[in-house]
Amino acid sequence: MPRPLAPQGRTGRPPVTSRAQILAGARQLIDRDGWEQLTIRKLAAELGVGPTTLYHHVRDKEDLLLLLISAYLDKVPHPELPSAPRDRMITAAIAIHDSLAAWPWTAEVLTVDGFIARLNEPTLWFVETILAGAIDHGCTPQQAVLIFRNMWYYTAGEILVRARTKEKATPPDFDAFLKRLDEADLPHLTSVAHHWDTWAAPDTFALGIEALVDGLLAQATST
Protein backbone atom coordinates (compact mmCIF):
# COMPACT_ATOMS: atom_id res chain seq x y z
CA MET A 1 0.00 0.00 0.00
CA PRO A 2 1.43 3.41 -0.87
CA ARG A 3 3.01 5.18 2.07
CA PRO A 4 1.58 8.47 3.35
CA LEU A 5 3.74 11.47 2.59
CA ALA A 6 5.39 12.87 5.69
CA PRO A 7 5.80 16.60 6.25
CA GLN A 8 9.18 18.14 5.51
CA GLY A 9 11.00 21.23 6.72
CA ARG A 10 12.10 23.72 4.07
CA THR A 11 12.64 27.47 3.97
CA GLY A 12 12.27 29.84 1.04
CA ARG A 13 9.85 28.51 -1.58
CA PRO A 14 6.75 26.90 0.04
CA PRO A 15 7.60 23.24 0.63
CA VAL A 16 5.97 20.35 -1.20
CA THR A 17 4.31 18.55 1.68
CA SER A 18 1.27 16.89 0.18
CA ARG A 19 0.79 13.81 -1.91
CA ALA A 20 -1.62 15.80 -4.09
CA GLN A 21 1.10 18.29 -5.07
CA ILE A 22 3.57 15.57 -5.97
CA LEU A 23 1.07 13.49 -7.93
CA ALA A 24 -0.32 16.53 -9.74
CA GLY A 25 3.19 17.44 -10.86
CA ALA A 26 3.86 13.89 -12.00
CA ARG A 27 0.64 13.76 -13.97
CA GLN A 28 1.42 17.08 -15.63
CA LEU A 29 4.80 15.76 -16.76
CA ILE A 30 3.27 12.52 -18.06
CA ASP A 31 0.53 14.34 -19.96
CA ARG A 32 3.14 16.60 -21.53
CA ASP A 33 6.09 14.28 -22.18
CA GLY A 34 4.82 10.70 -21.77
CA TRP A 35 5.25 8.37 -18.80
CA GLU A 36 8.52 6.95 -20.11
CA GLN A 37 10.13 10.40 -19.77
CA LEU A 38 9.13 10.84 -16.14
CA THR A 39 12.05 10.81 -13.71
CA ILE A 40 12.38 11.83 -10.09
CA ARG A 41 14.92 14.48 -11.11
CA LYS A 42 12.59 16.00 -13.72
CA LEU A 43 9.68 16.00 -11.30
CA ALA A 44 11.78 17.65 -8.59
CA ALA A 45 12.79 20.39 -11.02
CA GLU A 46 9.16 20.88 -12.03
CA LEU A 47 8.15 21.28 -8.38
CA GLY A 48 11.12 23.47 -7.47
CA VAL A 49 12.63 21.10 -4.92
CA GLY A 50 15.68 18.88 -4.80
CA PRO A 51 15.45 15.20 -5.82
CA THR A 52 16.36 14.20 -2.28
CA THR A 53 13.17 15.82 -1.06
CA LEU A 54 11.06 13.53 -3.24
CA TYR A 55 13.02 10.47 -2.19
CA HIS A 56 11.68 11.05 1.32
CA HIS A 57 8.25 10.23 -0.12
CA VAL A 58 8.78 7.75 -2.99
CA ARG A 59 11.35 5.02 -3.38
CA ASP A 60 11.78 5.39 -7.13
CA LYS A 61 9.92 6.08 -10.39
CA GLU A 62 7.97 2.82 -10.17
CA ASP A 63 6.76 3.66 -6.68
CA LEU A 64 5.67 7.09 -7.93
CA LEU A 65 3.77 5.61 -10.87
CA LEU A 66 1.93 3.17 -8.62
CA LEU A 67 0.96 5.99 -6.27
CA LEU A 68 -0.35 7.90 -9.27
CA ILE A 69 -2.33 4.92 -10.60
CA SER A 70 -3.84 4.22 -7.20
CA ALA A 71 -4.88 7.86 -6.79
CA TYR A 72 -6.41 7.84 -10.26
CA LEU A 73 -8.34 4.59 -9.83
CA ASP A 74 -9.53 5.58 -6.36
CA LYS A 75 -11.51 8.39 -7.98
CA VAL A 76 -13.20 6.16 -10.57
CA PRO A 77 -16.87 5.64 -9.62
CA HIS A 78 -17.76 2.02 -8.95
CA PRO A 79 -20.46 0.72 -11.29
CA GLU A 80 -23.72 -0.63 -10.01
CA LEU A 81 -23.20 -4.38 -9.94
CA PRO A 82 -25.83 -6.84 -11.24
CA SER A 83 -26.98 -9.71 -9.06
CA ALA A 84 -25.77 -12.54 -11.32
CA PRO A 85 -22.13 -13.50 -10.57
CA ARG A 86 -21.18 -13.76 -14.24
CA ASP A 87 -22.63 -10.31 -14.97
CA ARG A 88 -20.81 -8.77 -11.99
CA MET A 89 -17.51 -10.03 -13.37
CA ILE A 90 -18.19 -8.58 -16.80
CA THR A 91 -19.37 -5.24 -15.40
CA ALA A 92 -16.22 -4.90 -13.29
CA ALA A 93 -13.98 -5.79 -16.23
CA ILE A 94 -15.64 -3.24 -18.51
CA ALA A 95 -15.42 -0.55 -15.83
CA ILE A 96 -11.69 -1.04 -15.25
CA HIS A 97 -11.07 -1.32 -19.00
CA ASP A 98 -12.80 1.96 -19.72
CA SER A 99 -11.00 3.70 -16.85
CA LEU A 100 -7.54 2.56 -17.91
CA ALA A 101 -8.25 3.11 -21.61
CA ALA A 102 -8.68 6.80 -20.83
CA TRP A 103 -5.11 6.80 -19.47
CA PRO A 104 -3.56 3.81 -21.29
CA TRP A 105 0.00 4.04 -19.95
CA THR A 106 -1.38 2.74 -16.64
CA ALA A 107 -2.10 -0.63 -18.25
CA GLU A 108 1.51 -0.87 -19.39
CA VAL A 109 2.82 -0.21 -15.89
CA LEU A 110 0.53 -2.98 -14.59
CA THR A 111 1.50 -5.60 -17.18
CA VAL A 112 3.27 -7.82 -14.65
CA ASP A 113 1.90 -10.80 -12.77
CA GLY A 114 1.30 -10.02 -9.13
CA PHE A 115 0.65 -6.33 -9.77
CA ILE A 116 -2.23 -6.46 -7.27
CA ALA A 117 0.28 -6.58 -4.40
CA ARG A 118 1.52 -3.15 -5.48
CA LEU A 119 -1.81 -1.29 -5.40
CA ASN A 120 -3.64 0.13 -2.41
CA GLU A 121 -6.67 -1.63 -0.98
CA PRO A 122 -9.48 0.63 -2.31
CA THR A 123 -8.13 0.22 -5.84
CA LEU A 124 -8.55 -3.55 -5.71
CA TRP A 125 -12.36 -3.58 -5.70
CA PHE A 126 -12.46 -4.87 -9.28
CA VAL A 127 -10.18 -7.80 -8.42
CA GLU A 128 -12.36 -8.69 -5.45
CA THR A 129 -15.52 -8.42 -7.58
CA ILE A 130 -14.19 -10.77 -10.25
CA LEU A 131 -12.88 -13.33 -7.75
CA ALA A 132 -16.15 -13.27 -5.80
CA GLY A 133 -18.18 -13.61 -8.98
CA ALA A 134 -16.22 -16.65 -10.13
CA ILE A 135 -16.47 -18.35 -6.72
CA ASP A 136 -20.19 -17.57 -6.43
CA HIS A 137 -20.62 -19.11 -9.89
CA GLY A 138 -19.15 -22.37 -8.60
CA CYS A 139 -15.43 -22.06 -9.28
CA THR A 140 -12.74 -22.97 -6.78
CA PRO A 141 -10.55 -20.13 -5.43
CA GLN A 142 -7.67 -21.37 -7.60
CA GLN A 143 -9.88 -21.36 -10.69
CA ALA A 144 -11.07 -17.84 -9.78
CA VAL A 145 -7.48 -16.59 -9.71
CA LEU A 146 -6.76 -18.11 -13.13
CA ILE A 147 -9.97 -16.64 -14.53
CA PHE A 148 -9.00 -13.19 -13.25
CA ARG A 149 -5.53 -13.56 -14.74
CA ASN A 150 -6.89 -14.42 -18.18
CA MET A 151 -9.43 -11.59 -18.03
CA TRP A 152 -6.69 -9.14 -17.07
CA TYR A 153 -4.36 -10.31 -19.87
CA TYR A 154 -7.12 -9.74 -22.39
CA THR A 155 -8.07 -6.36 -20.91
CA ALA A 156 -4.55 -4.96 -20.69
CA GLY A 157 -3.62 -6.28 -24.13
CA GLU A 158 -6.66 -4.74 -25.76
CA ILE A 159 -5.97 -1.36 -24.14
CA LEU A 160 -2.33 -1.32 -25.21
CA VAL A 161 -2.91 -2.45 -28.80
CA ARG A 162 -5.58 0.18 -29.38
CA ALA A 163 -3.54 2.92 -27.70
CA ARG A 164 -0.46 2.17 -29.77
CA THR A 165 -2.53 1.95 -32.94
CA LYS A 166 -3.81 5.47 -32.30
CA GLU A 167 -0.24 6.70 -31.77
CA LYS A 168 0.84 5.62 -35.25
CA ALA A 169 0.98 8.67 -37.49
CA THR A 170 1.09 6.57 -40.66
CA PRO A 171 -1.52 3.81 -41.04
CA PRO A 172 -0.46 0.45 -42.50
CA ASP A 173 -0.22 0.30 -46.28
CA PHE A 174 -2.68 -2.50 -46.98
CA ASP A 175 -2.26 -2.19 -50.76
CA ALA A 176 1.42 -3.00 -50.40
CA PHE A 177 0.54 -5.73 -47.91
CA LEU A 178 -1.84 -7.37 -50.39
CA LYS A 179 0.81 -7.39 -53.08
CA ARG A 180 3.14 -9.35 -50.80
CA LEU A 181 0.61 -12.08 -50.08
CA ASP A 182 0.64 -15.36 -51.98
CA GLU A 183 -2.99 -16.42 -52.41
CA ALA A 184 -1.96 -20.05 -52.86
CA ASP A 185 -0.28 -20.15 -49.45
CA LEU A 186 -2.61 -17.78 -47.57
CA PRO A 187 -6.01 -18.00 -49.27
CA HIS A 188 -8.13 -16.94 -46.29
CA LEU A 189 -5.90 -14.06 -45.27
CA THR A 190 -5.75 -12.86 -48.86
CA SER A 191 -9.53 -12.89 -49.11
CA VAL A 192 -10.00 -10.60 -46.09
CA ALA A 193 -6.81 -8.52 -46.15
CA HIS A 194 -8.32 -5.58 -48.04
CA HIS A 195 -11.04 -5.32 -45.36
CA TRP A 196 -8.75 -5.88 -42.38
CA ASP A 197 -8.21 -2.28 -41.31
CA THR A 198 -11.93 -1.46 -41.28
CA TRP A 199 -13.24 -4.80 -39.99
CA ALA A 200 -10.72 -4.82 -37.09
CA ALA A 201 -11.35 -1.19 -36.11
CA PRO A 202 -14.61 -1.38 -34.06
CA ASP A 203 -14.38 -1.50 -30.28
CA THR A 204 -15.61 -5.01 -29.45
CA PHE A 205 -14.14 -5.29 -25.96
CA ALA A 206 -17.51 -5.84 -24.26
CA LEU A 207 -18.41 -8.67 -26.63
CA GLY A 208 -14.97 -10.19 -26.26
CA ILE A 209 -14.91 -10.12 -22.46
CA GLU A 210 -18.40 -11.65 -22.33
CA ALA A 211 -17.30 -14.52 -24.57
CA LEU A 212 -14.09 -14.98 -22.60
CA VAL A 213 -15.85 -15.05 -19.23
CA ASP A 214 -18.51 -17.46 -20.49
CA GLY A 215 -15.84 -19.79 -21.83
CA LEU A 216 -13.68 -19.64 -18.70
CA LEU A 217 -16.61 -20.24 -16.36
CA ALA A 218 -17.89 -23.13 -18.47
CA GLN A 219 -14.45 -24.71 -18.55
CA ALA A 220 -13.92 -24.30 -14.80
CA THR A 221 -17.28 -25.77 -13.79
CA SER A 222 -17.52 -28.56 -16.37
CA THR A 223 -15.89 -31.18 -14.17
C-alpha atoms as a PDB file:
ATOM      1  CA  MET A   1       0.000   0.000   0.000  1.00  0.00           C
ATOM      2  CA  PRO A   2       1.430   3.413  -0.875  1.00  0.00           C
ATOM      3  CA  ARG A   3       3.008   5.185   2.067  1.00  0.00           C
ATOM      4  CA  PRO A   4       1.581   8.469   3.349  1.00  0.00           C
ATOM      5  CA  LEU A   5       3.744  11.469   2.587  1.00  0.00           C
ATOM      6  CA  ALA A   6       5.392  12.871   5.693  1.00  0.00           C
ATOM      7  CA  PRO A   7       5.799  16.605   6.253  1.00  0.00           C
ATOM      8  CA  GLN A   8       9.183  18.137   5.512  1.00  0.00           C
ATOM      9  CA  GLY A   9      10.999  21.226   6.721  1.00  0.00           C
ATOM     10  CA  ARG A  10      12.104  23.716   4.065  1.00  0.00           C
ATOM     11  CA  THR A  11      12.638  27.467   3.967  1.00  0.00           C
ATOM     12  CA  GLY A  12      12.271  29.843   1.036  1.00  0.00           C
ATOM     13  CA  ARG A  13       9.849  28.509  -1.576  1.00  0.00           C
ATOM     14  CA  PRO A  14       6.746  26.903   0.037  1.00  0.00           C
ATOM     15  CA  PRO A  15       7.605  23.243   0.628  1.00  0.00           C
ATOM     16  CA  VAL A  16       5.970  20.348  -1.195  1.00  0.00           C
ATOM     17  CA  THR A  17       4.305  18.551   1.677  1.00  0.00           C
ATOM     18  CA  SER A  18       1.267  16.885   0.177  1.00  0.00           C
ATOM     19  CA  ARG A  19       0.792  13.814  -1.909  1.00  0.00           C
ATOM     20  CA  ALA A  20      -1.618  15.796  -4.087  1.00  0.00           C
ATOM     21  CA  GLN A  21       1.099  18.289  -5.071  1.00  0.00           C
ATOM     22  CA  ILE A  22       3.574  15.571  -5.973  1.00  0.00           C
ATOM     23  CA  LEU A  23       1.072  13.488  -7.933  1.00  0.00           C
ATOM     24  CA  ALA A  24      -0.324  16.532  -9.736  1.00  0.00           C
ATOM     25  CA  GLY A  25       3.189  17.442 -10.856  1.00  0.00           C
ATOM     26  CA  ALA A  26       3.862  13.888 -11.999  1.00  0.00           C
ATOM     27  CA  ARG A  27       0.635  13.755 -13.974  1.00  0.00           C
ATOM     28  CA  GLN A  28       1.417  17.084 -15.625  1.00  0.00           C
ATOM     29  CA  LEU A  29       4.801  15.760 -16.762  1.00  0.00           C
ATOM     30  CA  ILE A  30       3.275  12.522 -18.058  1.00  0.00           C
ATOM     31  CA  ASP A  31       0.533  14.341 -19.959  1.00  0.00           C
ATOM     32  CA  ARG A  32       3.140  16.599 -21.533  1.00  0.00           C
ATOM     33  CA  ASP A  33       6.089  14.285 -22.179  1.00  0.00           C
ATOM     34  CA  GLY A  34       4.819  10.697 -21.767  1.00  0.00           C
ATOM     35  CA  TRP A  35       5.249   8.375 -18.804  1.00  0.00           C
ATOM     36  CA  GLU A  36       8.521   6.954 -20.107  1.00  0.00           C
ATOM     37  CA  GLN A  37      10.130  10.395 -19.773  1.00  0.00           C
ATOM     38  CA  LEU A  38       9.129  10.841 -16.140  1.00  0.00           C
ATOM     39  CA  THR A  39      12.053  10.806 -13.712  1.00  0.00           C
ATOM     40  CA  ILE A  40      12.377  11.826 -10.093  1.00  0.00           C
ATOM     41  CA  ARG A  41      14.916  14.478 -11.107  1.00  0.00           C
ATOM     42  CA  LYS A  42      12.588  15.998 -13.716  1.00  0.00           C
ATOM     43  CA  LEU A  43       9.684  16.005 -11.301  1.00  0.00           C
ATOM     44  CA  ALA A  44      11.781  17.647  -8.586  1.00  0.00           C
ATOM     45  CA  ALA A  45      12.790  20.394 -11.018  1.00  0.00           C
ATOM     46  CA  GLU A  46       9.164  20.883 -12.027  1.00  0.00           C
ATOM     47  CA  LEU A  47       8.153  21.276  -8.377  1.00  0.00           C
ATOM     48  CA  GLY A  48      11.119  23.471  -7.467  1.00  0.00           C
ATOM     49  CA  VAL A  49      12.633  21.104  -4.923  1.00  0.00           C
ATOM     50  CA  GLY A  50      15.685  18.876  -4.804  1.00  0.00           C
ATOM     51  CA  PRO A  51      15.451  15.200  -5.821  1.00  0.00           C
ATOM     52  CA  THR A  52      16.360  14.198  -2.279  1.00  0.00           C
ATOM     53  CA  THR A  53      13.169  15.820  -1.057  1.00  0.00           C
ATOM     54  CA  LEU A  54      11.055  13.529  -3.244  1.00  0.00           C
ATOM     55  CA  TYR A  55      13.021  10.469  -2.190  1.00  0.00           C
ATOM     56  CA  HIS A  56      11.680  11.047   1.316  1.00  0.00           C
ATOM     57  CA  HIS A  57       8.250  10.229  -0.118  1.00  0.00           C
ATOM     58  CA  VAL A  58       8.779   7.749  -2.986  1.00  0.00           C
ATOM     59  CA  ARG A  59      11.348   5.018  -3.378  1.00  0.00           C
ATOM     60  CA  ASP A  60      11.775   5.388  -7.129  1.00  0.00           C
ATOM     61  CA  LYS A  61       9.925   6.076 -10.388  1.00  0.00           C
ATOM     62  CA  GLU A  62       7.974   2.820 -10.171  1.00  0.00           C
ATOM     63  CA  ASP A  63       6.755   3.659  -6.678  1.00  0.00           C
ATOM     64  CA  LEU A  64       5.673   7.092  -7.926  1.00  0.00           C
ATOM     65  CA  LEU A  65       3.768   5.610 -10.868  1.00  0.00           C
ATOM     66  CA  LEU A  66       1.933   3.168  -8.620  1.00  0.00           C
ATOM     67  CA  LEU A  67       0.963   5.989  -6.270  1.00  0.00           C
ATOM     68  CA  LEU A  68      -0.348   7.895  -9.266  1.00  0.00           C
ATOM     69  CA  ILE A  69      -2.328   4.921 -10.598  1.00  0.00           C
ATOM     70  CA  SER A  70      -3.841   4.221  -7.198  1.00  0.00           C
ATOM     71  CA  ALA A  71      -4.883   7.858  -6.788  1.00  0.00           C
ATOM     72  CA  TYR A  72      -6.414   7.838 -10.261  1.00  0.00           C
ATOM     73  CA  LEU A  73      -8.340   4.590  -9.831  1.00  0.00           C
ATOM     74  CA  ASP A  74      -9.527   5.576  -6.357  1.00  0.00           C
ATOM     75  CA  LYS A  75     -11.507   8.392  -7.982  1.00  0.00           C
ATOM     76  CA  VAL A  76     -13.201   6.158 -10.573  1.00  0.00           C
ATOM     77  CA  PRO A  77     -16.870   5.637  -9.618  1.00  0.00           C
ATOM     78  CA  HIS A  78     -17.760   2.021  -8.950  1.00  0.00           C
ATOM     79  CA  PRO A  79     -20.465   0.722 -11.292  1.00  0.00           C
ATOM     80  CA  GLU A  80     -23.719  -0.633 -10.005  1.00  0.00           C
ATOM     81  CA  LEU A  81     -23.205  -4.382  -9.940  1.00  0.00           C
ATOM     82  CA  PRO A  82     -25.830  -6.842 -11.237  1.00  0.00           C
ATOM     83  CA  SER A  83     -26.981  -9.707  -9.060  1.00  0.00           C
ATOM     84  CA  ALA A  84     -25.768 -12.543 -11.317  1.00  0.00           C
ATOM     85  CA  PRO A  85     -22.126 -13.503 -10.567  1.00  0.00           C
ATOM     86  CA  ARG A  86     -21.177 -13.756 -14.245  1.00  0.00           C
ATOM     87  CA  ASP A  87     -22.633 -10.312 -14.967  1.00  0.00           C
ATOM     88  CA  ARG A  88     -20.807  -8.771 -11.993  1.00  0.00           C
ATOM     89  CA  MET A  89     -17.514 -10.034 -13.369  1.00  0.00           C
ATOM     90  CA  ILE A  90     -18.187  -8.579 -16.799  1.00  0.00           C
ATOM     91  CA  THR A  91     -19.373  -5.245 -15.403  1.00  0.00           C
ATOM     92  CA  ALA A  92     -16.221  -4.899 -13.290  1.00  0.00           C
ATOM     93  CA  ALA A  93     -13.984  -5.792 -16.226  1.00  0.00           C
ATOM     94  CA  ILE A  94     -15.638  -3.242 -18.515  1.00  0.00           C
ATOM     95  CA  ALA A  95     -15.418  -0.548 -15.826  1.00  0.00           C
ATOM     96  CA  ILE A  96     -11.689  -1.040 -15.249  1.00  0.00           C
ATOM     97  CA  HIS A  97     -11.067  -1.323 -19.000  1.00  0.00           C
ATOM     98  CA  ASP A  98     -12.801   1.961 -19.716  1.00  0.00           C
ATOM     99  CA  SER A  99     -11.004   3.702 -16.847  1.00  0.00           C
ATOM    100  CA  LEU A 100      -7.543   2.562 -17.912  1.00  0.00           C
ATOM    101  CA  ALA A 101      -8.245   3.106 -21.612  1.00  0.00           C
ATOM    102  CA  ALA A 102      -8.675   6.798 -20.833  1.00  0.00           C
ATOM    103  CA  TRP A 103      -5.105   6.795 -19.471  1.00  0.00           C
ATOM    104  CA  PRO A 104      -3.559   3.812 -21.288  1.00  0.00           C
ATOM    105  CA  TRP A 105       0.002   4.039 -19.954  1.00  0.00           C
ATOM    106  CA  THR A 106      -1.384   2.743 -16.640  1.00  0.00           C
ATOM    107  CA  ALA A 107      -2.101  -0.627 -18.249  1.00  0.00           C
ATOM    108  CA  GLU A 108       1.515  -0.866 -19.395  1.00  0.00           C
ATOM    109  CA  VAL A 109       2.820  -0.211 -15.885  1.00  0.00           C
ATOM    110  CA  LEU A 110       0.528  -2.977 -14.590  1.00  0.00           C
ATOM    111  CA  THR A 111       1.498  -5.605 -17.181  1.00  0.00           C
ATOM    112  CA  VAL A 112       3.274  -7.819 -14.654  1.00  0.00           C
ATOM    113  CA  ASP A 113       1.896 -10.804 -12.770  1.00  0.00           C
ATOM    114  CA  GLY A 114       1.304 -10.015  -9.130  1.00  0.00           C
ATOM    115  CA  PHE A 115       0.650  -6.331  -9.768  1.00  0.00           C
ATOM    116  CA  ILE A 116      -2.226  -6.460  -7.271  1.00  0.00           C
ATOM    117  CA  ALA A 117       0.280  -6.583  -4.395  1.00  0.00           C
ATOM    118  CA  ARG A 118       1.517  -3.150  -5.481  1.00  0.00           C
ATOM    119  CA  LEU A 119      -1.811  -1.290  -5.396  1.00  0.00           C
ATOM    120  CA  ASN A 120      -3.637   0.130  -2.414  1.00  0.00           C
ATOM    121  CA  GLU A 121      -6.666  -1.631  -0.978  1.00  0.00           C
ATOM    122  CA  PRO A 122      -9.481   0.631  -2.308  1.00  0.00           C
ATOM    123  CA  THR A 123      -8.134   0.225  -5.843  1.00  0.00           C
ATOM    124  CA  LEU A 124      -8.551  -3.551  -5.708  1.00  0.00           C
ATOM    125  CA  TRP A 125     -12.358  -3.581  -5.701  1.00  0.00           C
ATOM    126  CA  PHE A 126     -12.456  -4.872  -9.280  1.00  0.00           C
ATOM    127  CA  VAL A 127     -10.177  -7.798  -8.421  1.00  0.00           C
ATOM    128  CA  GLU A 128     -12.365  -8.689  -5.449  1.00  0.00           C
ATOM    129  CA  THR A 129     -15.518  -8.421  -7.577  1.00  0.00           C
ATOM    130  CA  ILE A 130     -14.194 -10.769 -10.250  1.00  0.00           C
ATOM    131  CA  LEU A 131     -12.876 -13.334  -7.753  1.00  0.00           C
ATOM    132  CA  ALA A 132     -16.147 -13.271  -5.797  1.00  0.00           C
ATOM    133  CA  GLY A 133     -18.184 -13.610  -8.977  1.00  0.00           C
ATOM    134  CA  ALA A 134     -16.224 -16.648 -10.128  1.00  0.00           C
ATOM    135  CA  ILE A 135     -16.468 -18.348  -6.717  1.00  0.00           C
ATOM    136  CA  ASP A 136     -20.191 -17.567  -6.430  1.00  0.00           C
ATOM    137  CA  HIS A 137     -20.621 -19.107  -9.886  1.00  0.00           C
ATOM    138  CA  GLY A 138     -19.154 -22.372  -8.596  1.00  0.00           C
ATOM    139  CA  CYS A 139     -15.425 -22.057  -9.278  1.00  0.00           C
ATOM    140  CA  THR A 140     -12.742 -22.966  -6.776  1.00  0.00           C
ATOM    141  CA  PRO A 141     -10.548 -20.132  -5.431  1.00  0.00           C
ATOM    142  CA  GLN A 142      -7.672 -21.368  -7.602  1.00  0.00           C
ATOM    143  CA  GLN A 143      -9.878 -21.359 -10.690  1.00  0.00           C
ATOM    144  CA  ALA A 144     -11.072 -17.845  -9.785  1.00  0.00           C
ATOM    145  CA  VAL A 145      -7.477 -16.587  -9.711  1.00  0.00           C
ATOM    146  CA  LEU A 146      -6.759 -18.110 -13.125  1.00  0.00           C
ATOM    147  CA  ILE A 147      -9.973 -16.642 -14.533  1.00  0.00           C
ATOM    148  CA  PHE A 148      -9.004 -13.190 -13.250  1.00  0.00           C
ATOM    149  CA  ARG A 149      -5.530 -13.557 -14.745  1.00  0.00           C
ATOM    150  CA  ASN A 150      -6.894 -14.415 -18.179  1.00  0.00           C
ATOM    151  CA  MET A 151      -9.429 -11.595 -18.035  1.00  0.00           C
ATOM    152  CA  TRP A 152      -6.693  -9.140 -17.068  1.00  0.00           C
ATOM    153  CA  TYR A 153      -4.357 -10.306 -19.866  1.00  0.00           C
ATOM    154  CA  TYR A 154      -7.125  -9.741 -22.394  1.00  0.00           C
ATOM    155  CA  THR A 155      -8.073  -6.361 -20.911  1.00  0.00           C
ATOM    156  CA  ALA A 156      -4.546  -4.960 -20.689  1.00  0.00           C
ATOM    157  CA  GLY A 157      -3.618  -6.283 -24.126  1.00  0.00           C
ATOM    158  CA  GLU A 158      -6.661  -4.742 -25.758  1.00  0.00           C
ATOM    159  CA  ILE A 159      -5.966  -1.361 -24.143  1.00  0.00           C
ATOM    160  CA  LEU A 160      -2.328  -1.317 -25.208  1.00  0.00           C
ATOM    161  CA  VAL A 161      -2.914  -2.451 -28.796  1.00  0.00           C
ATOM    162  CA  ARG A 162      -5.581   0.184 -29.378  1.00  0.00           C
ATOM    163  CA  ALA A 163      -3.544   2.922 -27.696  1.00  0.00           C
ATOM    164  CA  ARG A 164      -0.457   2.171 -29.772  1.00  0.00           C
ATOM    165  CA  THR A 165      -2.529   1.953 -32.941  1.00  0.00           C
ATOM    166  CA  LYS A 166      -3.808   5.475 -32.301  1.00  0.00           C
ATOM    167  CA  GLU A 167      -0.243   6.697 -31.770  1.00  0.00           C
ATOM    168  CA  LYS A 168       0.841   5.621 -35.247  1.00  0.00           C
ATOM    169  CA  ALA A 169       0.982   8.675 -37.495  1.00  0.00           C
ATOM    170  CA  THR A 170       1.093   6.574 -40.661  1.00  0.00           C
ATOM    171  CA  PRO A 171      -1.519   3.809 -41.042  1.00  0.00           C
ATOM    172  CA  PRO A 172      -0.463   0.449 -42.495  1.00  0.00           C
ATOM    173  CA  ASP A 173      -0.219   0.300 -46.280  1.00  0.00           C
ATOM    174  CA  PHE A 174      -2.676  -2.499 -46.985  1.00  0.00           C
ATOM    175  CA  ASP A 175      -2.263  -2.190 -50.759  1.00  0.00           C
ATOM    176  CA  ALA A 176       1.420  -3.004 -50.400  1.00  0.00           C
ATOM    177  CA  PHE A 177       0.539  -5.725 -47.907  1.00  0.00           C
ATOM    178  CA  LEU A 178      -1.839  -7.370 -50.392  1.00  0.00           C
ATOM    179  CA  LYS A 179       0.808  -7.390 -53.085  1.00  0.00           C
ATOM    180  CA  ARG A 180       3.142  -9.350 -50.799  1.00  0.00           C
ATOM    181  CA  LEU A 181       0.614 -12.079 -50.083  1.00  0.00           C
ATOM    182  CA  ASP A 182       0.635 -15.363 -51.978  1.00  0.00           C
ATOM    183  CA  GLU A 183      -2.989 -16.422 -52.405  1.00  0.00           C
ATOM    184  CA  ALA A 184      -1.961 -20.048 -52.863  1.00  0.00           C
ATOM    185  CA  ASP A 185      -0.283 -20.153 -49.450  1.00  0.00           C
ATOM    186  CA  LEU A 186      -2.608 -17.783 -47.571  1.00  0.00           C
ATOM    187  CA  PRO A 187      -6.011 -18.002 -49.271  1.00  0.00           C
ATOM    188  CA  HIS A 188      -8.133 -16.943 -46.288  1.00  0.00           C
ATOM    189  CA  LEU A 189      -5.901 -14.058 -45.267  1.00  0.00           C
ATOM    190  CA  THR A 190      -5.750 -12.863 -48.857  1.00  0.00           C
ATOM    191  CA  SER A 191      -9.535 -12.890 -49.111  1.00  0.00           C
ATOM    192  CA  VAL A 192      -9.995 -10.597 -46.092  1.00  0.00           C
ATOM    193  CA  ALA A 193      -6.809  -8.519 -46.151  1.00  0.00           C
ATOM    194  CA  HIS A 194      -8.322  -5.580 -48.039  1.00  0.00           C
ATOM    195  CA  HIS A 195     -11.040  -5.325 -45.357  1.00  0.00           C
ATOM    196  CA  TRP A 196      -8.753  -5.882 -42.381  1.00  0.00           C
ATOM    197  CA  ASP A 197      -8.215  -2.281 -41.311  1.00  0.00           C
ATOM    198  CA  THR A 198     -11.935  -1.460 -41.275  1.00  0.00           C
ATOM    199  CA  TRP A 199     -13.236  -4.795 -39.985  1.00  0.00           C
ATOM    200  CA  ALA A 200     -10.723  -4.822 -37.091  1.00  0.00           C
ATOM    201  CA  ALA A 201     -11.353  -1.193 -36.111  1.00  0.00           C
ATOM    202  CA  PRO A 202     -14.609  -1.376 -34.061  1.00  0.00           C
ATOM    203  CA  ASP A 203     -14.382  -1.505 -30.277  1.00  0.00           C
ATOM    204  CA  THR A 204     -15.605  -5.012 -29.452  1.00  0.00           C
ATOM    205  CA  PHE A 205     -14.144  -5.289 -25.956  1.00  0.00           C
ATOM    206  CA  ALA A 206     -17.508  -5.835 -24.263  1.00  0.00           C
ATOM    207  CA  LEU A 207     -18.406  -8.666 -26.629  1.00  0.00           C
ATOM    208  CA  GLY A 208     -14.969 -10.193 -26.262  1.00  0.00           C
ATOM    209  CA  ILE A 209     -14.912 -10.120 -22.464  1.00  0.00           C
ATOM    210  CA  GLU A 210     -18.397 -11.654 -22.329  1.00  0.00           C
ATOM    211  CA  ALA A 211     -17.304 -14.520 -24.571  1.00  0.00           C
ATOM    212  CA  LEU A 212     -14.090 -14.978 -22.601  1.00  0.00           C
ATOM    213  CA  VAL A 213     -15.849 -15.053 -19.231  1.00  0.00           C
ATOM    214  CA  ASP A 214     -18.510 -17.464 -20.486  1.00  0.00           C
ATOM    215  CA  GLY A 215     -15.842 -19.793 -21.827  1.00  0.00           C
ATOM    216  CA  LEU A 216     -13.679 -19.636 -18.702  1.00  0.00           C
ATOM    217  CA  LEU A 217     -16.609 -20.241 -16.365  1.00  0.00           C
ATOM    218  CA  ALA A 218     -17.889 -23.128 -18.472  1.00  0.00           C
ATOM    219  CA  GLN A 219     -14.453 -24.713 -18.552  1.00  0.00           C
ATOM    220  CA  ALA A 220     -13.922 -24.305 -14.797  1.00  0.00           C
ATOM    221  CA  THR A 221     -17.280 -25.767 -13.792  1.00  0.00           C
ATOM    222  CA  SER A 222     -17.520 -28.558 -16.373  1.00  0.00           C
ATOM    223  CA  THR A 223     -15.888 -31.178 -14.166  1.00  0.00           C
END
